[in-house]
Amino acid sequence: MATLATNVHVTDESGTAHVFGPADEVPEWAQVLIDNPKAWAEAPSPAKRLTELEPAPAVKAPSKRAAPRRKAAASGSAD
């Protein structure tokens, strides 16, 4: 079982903040989000964490952007 070495603050998918400490049982969803190895006294198994991670979103190709507009020339004569 994974145990923490210190208190950790984690925000769930609905935006609610949770605090877990060394005496708490850390739920699986929070174990995936805690990625600092120094936070763990006994880290969760890597195989378990890798299977719970969501796949990375597909990367879109950058869209072509129009060339930036040029600034208008200053009106008036330069002597």
PDB file of N, CA and C in Angstrom:
ATOM      1  N   MET A   1       0.834  -1.174   0.000  1.00  0.00           N
ATOM      2  CA  MET A   1       0.000   0.000   0.000  1.00  0.00           C
ATOM      3  C   MET A   1       0.884   1.244   0.000  1.00  0.00           C
ATOM      4  N   ALA A   2       0.492   2.220  -0.796  1.00  0.00           N
ATOM      5  CA  ALA A   2       1.255   3.454  -0.898  1.00  0.00           C
ATOM      6  C   ALA A   2       0.979   4.334   0.311  1.00  0.00           C
ATOM      7  N   THR A   3       2.061   4.899   0.879  1.00  0.00           N
ATOM      8  CA  THR A   3       1.915   5.811   2.013  1.00  0.00           C
ATOM      9  C   THR A   3       2.702   7.082   1.734  1.00  0.00           C
ATOM     10  N   LEU A   4       2.185   8.177   2.248  1.00  0.00           N
ATOM     11  CA  LEU A   4       2.827   9.473   2.047  1.00  0.00           C
ATOM     12  C   LEU A   4       3.838   9.768   3.143  1.00  0.00           C
ATOM     13  N   ALA A   5       4.834  10.573   2.812  1.00  0.00           N
ATOM     14  CA  ALA A   5       5.837  10.995   3.783  1.00  0.00           C
ATOM     15  C   ALA A   5       5.479  12.357   4.373  1.00  0.00           C
ATOM     16  N   THR A   6       4.590  13.080   3.719  1.00  0.00           N
ATOM     17  CA  THR A   6       4.244  14.436   4.126  1.00  0.00           C
ATOM     18  C   THR A   6       2.809  14.740   3.713  1.00  0.00           C
ATOM     19  N   ASN A   7       2.306  15.891   4.096  1.00  0.00           N
ATOM     20  CA  ASN A   7       0.969  16.308   3.671  1.00  0.00           C
ATOM     21  C   ASN A   7       1.031  16.770   2.218  1.00  0.00           C
ATOM     22  N   VAL A   8      -0.019  16.399   1.467  1.00  0.00           N
ATOM     23  CA  VAL A   8      -0.081  16.725   0.047  1.00  0.00           C
ATOM     24  C   VAL A   8      -1.454  17.299  -0.262  1.00  0.00           C
ATOM     25  N   HIS A   9      -1.492  18.373  -1.045  1.00  0.00           N
ATOM     26  CA  HIS A   9      -2.745  18.987  -1.487  1.00  0.00           C
ATOM     27  C   HIS A   9      -2.992  18.561  -2.932  1.00  0.00           C
ATOM     28  N   VAL A  10      -4.203  18.048  -3.194  1.00  0.00           N
ATOM     29  CA  VAL A  10      -4.561  17.571  -4.522  1.00  0.00           C
ATOM     30  C   VAL A  10      -5.928  18.143  -4.883  1.00  0.00           C
ATOM     31  N   THR A  11      -6.098  18.585  -6.114  1.00  0.00           N
ATOM     32  CA  THR A  11      -7.376  19.090  -6.602  1.00  0.00           C
ATOM     33  C   THR A  11      -7.980  18.049  -7.536  1.00  0.00           C
ATOM     34  N   ASP A  12      -9.240  17.673  -7.272  1.00  0.00           N
ATOM     35  CA  ASP A  12      -9.898  16.676  -8.118  1.00  0.00           C
ATOM     36  C   ASP A  12     -10.449  17.313  -9.386  1.00  0.00           C
ATOM     37  N   GLU A  13     -11.085  16.489 -10.246  1.00  0.00           N
ATOM     38  CA  GLU A  13     -11.551  16.989 -11.541  1.00  0.00           C
ATOM     39  C   GLU A  13     -12.670  18.015 -11.435  1.00  0.00           C
ATOM     40  N   SER A  14     -13.364  18.067 -10.294  1.00  0.00           N
ATOM     41  CA  SER A  14     -14.420  19.066 -10.129  1.00  0.00           C
ATOM     42  C   SER A  14     -13.900  20.352  -9.482  1.00  0.00           C
ATOM     43  N   GLY A  15     -12.608  20.405  -9.155  1.00  0.00           N
ATOM     44  CA  GLY A  15     -12.001  21.601  -8.597  1.00  0.00           C
ATOM     45  C   GLY A  15     -11.965  21.641  -7.078  1.00  0.00           C
ATOM     46  N   THR A  16     -12.389  20.564  -6.419  1.00  0.00           N
ATOM     47  CA  THR A  16     -12.377  20.505  -4.962  1.00  0.00           C
ATOM     48  C   THR A  16     -10.986  20.123  -4.475  1.00  0.00           C
ATOM     49  N   ALA A  17     -10.462  20.871  -3.508  1.00  0.00           N
ATOM     50  CA  ALA A  17      -9.135  20.597  -2.953  1.00  0.00           C
ATOM     51  C   ALA A  17      -9.238  19.551  -1.850  1.00  0.00           C
ATOM     52  N   HIS A  18      -8.291  18.628  -1.824  1.00  0.00           N
ATOM     53  CA  HIS A  18      -8.209  17.581  -0.810  1.00  0.00           C
ATOM     54  C   HIS A  18      -6.801  17.593  -0.225  1.00  0.00           C
ATOM     55  N   VAL A  19      -6.693  17.268   1.060  1.00  0.00           N
ATOM     56  CA  VAL A  19      -5.389  17.184   1.719  1.00  0.00           C
ATOM     57  C   VAL A  19      -5.234  15.765   2.244  1.00  0.00           C
ATOM     58  N   PHE A  20      -4.119  15.135   1.913  1.00  0.00           N
ATOM     59  CA  PHE A  20      -3.808  13.786   2.382  1.00  0.00           C
ATOM     60  C   PHE A  20      -2.501  13.834   3.148  1.00  0.00           C
ATOM     61  N   GLY A  21      -2.417  13.062   4.220  1.00  0.00           N
ATOM     62  CA  GLY A  21      -1.221  13.010   5.050  1.00  0.00           C
ATOM     63  C   GLY A  21      -0.708  11.601   5.207  1.00  0.00           C
ATOM     64  N   PRO A  22       0.363  11.411   5.980  1.00  0.00           N
ATOM     65  CA  PRO A  22       0.959  10.095   6.172  1.00  0.00           C
ATOM     66  C   PRO A  22       0.001   9.061   6.785  1.00  0.00           C
ATOM     67  N   ALA A  23      -0.952   9.499   7.583  1.00  0.00           N
ATOM     68  CA  ALA A  23      -1.869   8.556   8.225  1.00  0.00           C
ATOM     69  C   ALA A  23      -3.096   8.259   7.368  1.00  0.00           C
ATOM     70  N   ASP A  24      -3.258   8.953   6.244  1.00  0.00           N
ATOM     71  CA  ASP A  24      -4.448   8.785   5.403  1.00  0.00           C
ATOM     72  C   ASP A  24      -4.244   7.718   4.337  1.00  0.00           C
ATOM     73  N   GLU A  25      -5.358   7.104   3.940  1.00  0.00           N
ATOM     74  CA  GLU A  25      -5.338   6.198   2.800  1.00  0.00           C
ATOM     75  C   GLU A  25      -5.579   7.053   1.557  1.00  0.00           C
ATOM     76  N   VAL A  26      -4.653   7.021   0.627  1.00  0.00           N
ATOM     77  CA  VAL A  26      -4.729   7.869  -0.564  1.00  0.00           C
ATOM     78  C   VAL A  26      -5.508   7.119  -1.648  1.00  0.00           C
ATOM     79  N   PRO A  27      -6.627   7.715  -2.116  1.00  0.00           N
ATOM     80  CA  PRO A  27      -7.390   7.045  -3.174  1.00  0.00           C
ATOM     81  C   PRO A  27      -6.585   6.949  -4.467  1.00  0.00           C
ATOM     82  N   GLU A  28      -6.985   6.024  -5.326  1.00  0.00           N
ATOM     83  CA  GLU A  28      -6.249   5.777  -6.567  1.00  0.00           C
ATOM     84  C   GLU A  28      -6.203   7.013  -7.463  1.00  0.00           C
ATOM     85  N   TRP A  29      -7.299   7.779  -7.534  1.00  0.00           N
ATOM     86  CA  TRP A  29      -7.308   8.962  -8.408  1.00  0.00           C
ATOM     87  C   TRP A  29      -6.274   9.982  -7.934  1.00  0.00           C
ATOM     88  N   ALA A  30      -6.074  10.065  -6.608  1.00  0.00           N
ATOM     89  CA  ALA A  30      -5.097  11.020  -6.075  1.00  0.00           C
ATOM     90  C   ALA A  30      -3.669  10.497  -6.259  1.00  0.00           C
ATOM     91  N   GLN A  31      -3.479   9.197  -6.181  1.00  0.00           N
ATOM     92  CA  GLN A  31      -2.149   8.621  -6.377  1.00  0.00           C
ATOM     93  C   GLN A  31      -1.612   8.952  -7.759  1.00  0.00           C
ATOM     94  N   VAL A  32      -2.501   8.977  -8.740  1.00  0.00           N
ATOM     95  CA  VAL A  32      -2.084   9.290 -10.109  1.00  0.00           C
ATOM     96  C   VAL A  32      -1.627  10.742 -10.213  1.00  0.00           C
ATOM     97  N   LEU A  33      -2.267  11.631  -9.466  1.00  0.00           N
ATOM     98  CA  LEU A  33      -1.959  13.060  -9.558  1.00  0.00           C
ATOM     99  C   LEU A  33      -0.727  13.468  -8.759  1.00  0.00           C
ATOM    100  N   ILE A  34      -0.334  12.685  -7.769  1.00  0.00           N
ATOM    101  CA  ILE A  34       0.840  13.019  -6.949  1.00  0.00           C
ATOM    102  C   ILE A  34       2.072  12.469  -7.660  1.00  0.00           C
ATOM    103  N   ASP A  35       2.809  13.358  -8.320  1.00  0.00           N
ATOM    104  CA  ASP A  35       3.946  12.916  -9.127  1.00  0.00           C
ATOM    105  C   ASP A  35       5.304  13.254  -8.522  1.00  0.00           C
ATOM    106  N   ASN A  36       5.320  13.895  -7.348  1.00  0.00           N
ATOM    107  CA  ASN A  36       6.590  14.207  -6.696  1.00  0.00           C
ATOM    108  C   ASN A  36       7.062  12.980  -5.910  1.00  0.00           C
ATOM    109  N   PRO A  37       8.185  12.370  -6.284  1.00  0.00           N
ATOM    110  CA  PRO A  37       8.639  11.170  -5.583  1.00  0.00           C
ATOM    111  C   PRO A  37       8.994  11.421  -4.120  1.00  0.00           C
ATOM    112  N   LYS A  38       9.336  12.663  -3.768  1.00  0.00           N
ATOM    113  CA  LYS A  38       9.686  12.968  -2.375  1.00  0.00           C
ATOM    114  C   LYS A  38       8.456  12.988  -1.468  1.00  0.00           C
ATOM    115  N   ALA A  39       7.257  13.040  -2.042  1.00  0.00           N
ATOM    116  CA  ALA A  39       6.029  13.050  -1.245  1.00  0.00           C
ATOM    117  C   ALA A  39       5.702  11.668  -0.697  1.00  0.00           C
ATOM    118  N   TRP A  40       6.246  10.634  -1.297  1.00  0.00           N
ATOM    119  CA  TRP A  40       5.909   9.260  -0.929  1.00  0.00           C
ATOM    120  C   TRP A  40       6.940   8.647   0.019  1.00  0.00           C
ATOM    121  N   ALA A  41       6.446   8.023   1.107  1.00  0.00           N
ATOM    122  CA  ALA A  41       7.303   7.194   1.953  1.00  0.00           C
ATOM    123  C   ALA A  41       7.424   5.832   1.290  1.00  0.00           C
ATOM    124  N   GLU A  42       6.296   5.352   0.740  1.00  0.00           N
ATOM    125  CA  GLU A  42       6.253   4.115  -0.040  1.00  0.00           C
ATOM    126  C   GLU A  42       5.397   4.418  -1.261  1.00  0.00           C
ATOM    127  N   ALA A  43       6.031   4.540  -2.407  1.00  0.00           N
ATOM    128  CA  ALA A  43       5.331   4.947  -3.627  1.00  0.00           C
ATOM    129  C   ALA A  43       4.431   3.835  -4.138  1.00  0.00           C
ATOM    130  N   PRO A  44       3.344   4.208  -4.847  1.00  0.00           N
ATOM    131  CA  PRO A  44       2.504   3.184  -5.467  1.00  0.00           C
ATOM    132  C   PRO A  44       3.268   2.486  -6.578  1.00  0.00           C
ATOM    133  N   SER A  45       2.857   1.278  -6.920  1.00  0.00           N
ATOM    134  CA  SER A  45       3.571   0.523  -7.942  1.00  0.00           C
ATOM    135  C   SER A  45       3.472   1.242  -9.281  1.00  0.00           C
ATOM    136  N   PRO A  46       4.574   1.300 -10.034  1.00  0.00           N
ATOM    137  CA  PRO A  46       4.572   2.019 -11.318  1.00  0.00           C
ATOM    138  C   PRO A  46       3.584   1.422 -12.316  1.00  0.00           C
ATOM    139  N   ALA A  47       3.417   0.116 -12.331  1.00  0.00           N
ATOM    140  CA  ALA A  47       2.495  -0.513 -13.278  1.00  0.00           C
ATOM    141  C   ALA A  47       1.071  -0.048 -13.014  1.00  0.00           C
ATOM    142  N   LYS A  48       0.708   0.070 -11.760  1.00  0.00           N
ATOM    143  CA  LYS A  48      -0.634   0.513 -11.402  1.00  0.00           C
ATOM    144  C   LYS A  48      -0.845   1.954 -11.831  1.00  0.00           C
ATOM    145  N   ARG A  49       0.147   2.802 -11.625  1.00  0.00           N
ATOM    146  CA  ARG A  49       0.021   4.217 -11.983  1.00  0.00           C
ATOM    147  C   ARG A  49      -0.043   4.389 -13.491  1.00  0.00           C
ATOM    148  N   LEU A  50       0.712   3.597 -14.252  1.00  0.00           N
ATOM    149  CA  LEU A  50       0.713   3.743 -15.697  1.00  0.00           C
ATOM    150  C   LEU A  50      -0.605   3.305 -16.315  1.00  0.00           C
ATOM    151  N   THR A  51      -1.254   2.312 -15.745  1.00  0.00           N
ATOM    152  CA  THR A  51      -2.520   1.852 -16.299  1.00  0.00           C
ATOM    153  C   THR A  51      -3.641   2.823 -16.005  1.00  0.00           C
ATOM    154  N   GLU A  52      -3.509   3.647 -14.968  1.00  0.00           N
ATOM    155  CA  GLU A  52      -4.562   4.566 -14.598  1.00  0.00           C
ATOM    156  C   GLU A  52      -4.451   5.909 -15.304  1.00  0.00           C
ATOM    157  N   LEU A  53      -3.302   6.186 -15.890  1.00  0.00           N
ATOM    158  CA  LEU A  53      -3.134   7.456 -16.574  1.00  0.00           C
ATOM    159  C   LEU A  53      -3.985   7.491 -17.836  1.00  0.00           C
ATOM    160  N   GLU A  54      -4.575   8.629 -18.104  1.00  0.00           N
ATOM    161  CA  GLU A  54      -5.357   8.791 -19.317  1.00  0.00           C
ATOM    162  C   GLU A  54      -4.409   8.983 -20.487  1.00  0.00           C
ATOM    163  N   PRO A  55      -4.808   8.527 -21.670  1.00  0.00           N
ATOM    164  CA  PRO A  55      -3.933   8.724 -22.823  1.00  0.00           C
ATOM    165  C   PRO A  55      -3.787  10.205 -23.136  1.00  0.00           C
ATOM    166  N   ALA A  56      -2.634  10.559 -23.645  1.00  0.00           N
ATOM    167  CA  ALA A  56      -2.366  11.962 -23.979  1.00  0.00           C
ATOM    168  C   ALA A  56      -3.245  12.376 -25.149  1.00  0.00           C
ATOM    169  N   PRO A  57      -3.757  13.593 -25.128  1.00  0.00           N
ATOM    170  CA  PRO A  57      -4.589  14.041 -26.246  1.00  0.00           C
ATOM    171  C   PRO A  57      -3.768  14.158 -27.523  1.00  0.00           C
ATOM    172  N   ALA A  58      -4.424  13.943 -28.653  1.00  0.00           N
ATOM    173  CA  ALA A  58      -3.739  14.042 -29.939  1.00  0.00           C
ATOM    174  C   ALA A  58      -3.288  15.484 -30.153  1.00  0.00           C
ATOM    175  N   VAL A  59      -2.088  15.631 -30.654  1.00  0.00           N
ATOM    176  CA  VAL A  59      -1.519  16.959 -30.866  1.00  0.00           C
ATOM    177  C   VAL A  59      -1.925  17.444 -32.246  1.00  0.00           C
ATOM    178  N   LYS A  60      -2.531  18.619 -32.292  1.00  0.00           N
ATOM    179  CA  LYS A  60      -2.920  19.213 -33.563  1.00  0.00           C
ATOM    180  C   LYS A  60      -1.726  19.934 -34.175  1.00  0.00           C
ATOM    181  N   ALA A  61      -1.709  19.951 -35.491  1.00  0.00           N
ATOM    182  CA  ALA A  61      -0.683  20.720 -36.176  1.00  0.00           C
ATOM    183  C   ALA A  61      -0.994  22.202 -35.970  1.00  0.00           C
ATOM    184  N   PRO A  62       0.016  23.014 -35.792  1.00  0.00           N
ATOM    185  CA  PRO A  62      -0.250  24.444 -35.586  1.00  0.00           C
ATOM    186  C   PRO A  62      -0.934  25.034 -36.811  1.00  0.00           C
ATOM    187  N   SER A  63      -1.906  25.883 -36.561  1.00  0.00           N
ATOM    188  CA  SER A  63      -2.614  26.513 -37.670  1.00  0.00           C
ATOM    189  C   SER A  63      -1.743  27.602 -38.283  1.00  0.00           C
ATOM    190  N   LYS A  64      -1.954  27.812 -39.573  1.00  0.00           N
ATOM    191  CA  LYS A  64      -1.175  28.849 -40.248  1.00  0.00           C
ATOM    192  C   LYS A  64      -1.733  30.197 -39.851  1.00  0.00           C
ATOM    193  N   ARG A  65      -0.857  31.078 -39.486  1.00  0.00           N
ATOM    194  CA  ARG A  65      -1.262  32.412 -39.077  1.00  0.00           C
ATOM    195  C   ARG A  65      -0.931  33.399 -40.186  1.00  0.00           C
ATOM    196  N   ALA A  66      -1.766  34.390 -40.325  1.00  0.00           N
ATOM    197  CA  ALA A  66      -1.521  35.430 -41.310  1.00  0.00           C
ATOM    198  C   ALA A  66      -0.307  36.248 -40.881  1.00  0.00           C
ATOM    199  N   ALA A  67       0.345  36.831 -41.859  1.00  0.00           N
ATOM    200  CA  ALA A  67       1.502  37.676 -41.565  1.00  0.00           C
ATOM    201  C   ALA A  67       1.042  38.875 -40.744  1.00  0.00           C
ATOM    202  N   PRO A  68       1.834  39.331 -39.798  1.00  0.00           N
ATOM    203  CA  PRO A  68       1.414  40.474 -38.986  1.00  0.00           C
ATOM    204  C   PRO A  68       1.284  41.724 -39.842  1.00  0.00           C
ATOM    205  N   ARG A  69       0.358  42.584 -39.449  1.00  0.00           N
ATOM    206  CA  ARG A  69       0.162  43.835 -40.175  1.00  0.00           C
ATOM    207  C   ARG A  69       1.351  44.756 -39.951  1.00  0.00           C
ATOM    208  N   ARG A  70       1.641  45.542 -40.958  1.00  0.00           N
ATOM    209  CA  ARG A  70       2.716  46.516 -40.831  1.00  0.00           C
ATOM    210  C   ARG A  70       2.135  47.805 -40.315  1.00  0.00           C
ATOM    211  N   LYS A  71       2.897  48.515 -39.544  1.00  0.00           N
ATOM    212  CA  LYS A  71       2.435  49.807 -39.030  1.00  0.00           C
ATOM    213  C   LYS A  71       2.402  50.838 -40.149  1.00  0.00           C
ATOM    214  N   ALA A  72       1.404  51.687 -40.078  1.00  0.00           N
ATOM    215  CA  ALA A  72       1.266  52.731 -41.084  1.00  0.00           C
ATOM    216  C   ALA A  72       2.417  53.741 -40.915  1.00  0.00           C
ATOM    217  N   ALA A  73       2.826  54.279 -42.024  1.00  0.00           N
ATOM    218  CA  ALA A  73       3.898  55.276 -41.971  1.00  0.00           C
ATOM    219  C   ALA A  73       3.397  56.523 -41.287  1.00  0.00           C
ATOM    220  N   ALA A  74       4.257  57.205 -40.594  1.00  0.00           N
ATOM    221  CA  ALA A  74       3.878  58.431 -39.889  1.00  0.00           C
ATOM    222  C   ALA A  74       3.555  59.509 -40.908  1.00  0.00           C
ATOM    223  N   SER A  75       2.471  60.238 -40.665  1.00  0.00           N
ATOM    224  CA  SER A  75       2.127  61.315 -41.595  1.00  0.00           C
ATOM    225  C   SER A  75       2.963  62.544 -41.248  1.00  0.00           C
ATOM    226  N   GLY A  76       3.294  63.309 -42.234  1.00  0.00           N
ATOM    227  CA  GLY A  76       4.119  64.491 -42.012  1.00  0.00           C
ATOM    228  C   GLY A  76       5.456  64.320 -42.687  1.00  0.00           C
ATOM    229  N   SER A  77       6.158  65.385 -42.831  1.00  0.00           N
ATOM    230  CA  SER A  77       7.444  65.301 -43.507  1.00  0.00           C
ATOM    231  C   SER A  77       8.557  65.220 -42.480  1.00  0.00           C
ATOM    232  N   ALA A  78       9.572  64.485 -42.850  1.00  0.00           N
ATOM    233  CA  ALA A  78      10.749  64.363 -41.993  1.00  0.00           C
ATOM    234  C   ALA A  78      11.846  65.221 -42.584  1.00  0.00           C
ATOM    235  N   ASP A  79      12.205  66.305 -41.950  1.00  0.00           N
ATOM    236  CA  ASP A  79      13.225  67.225 -42.476  1.00  0.00           C
ATOM    237  C   ASP A  79      14.546  66.999 -41.826  1.00  0.00           C
TER     238      ASP A  79
END
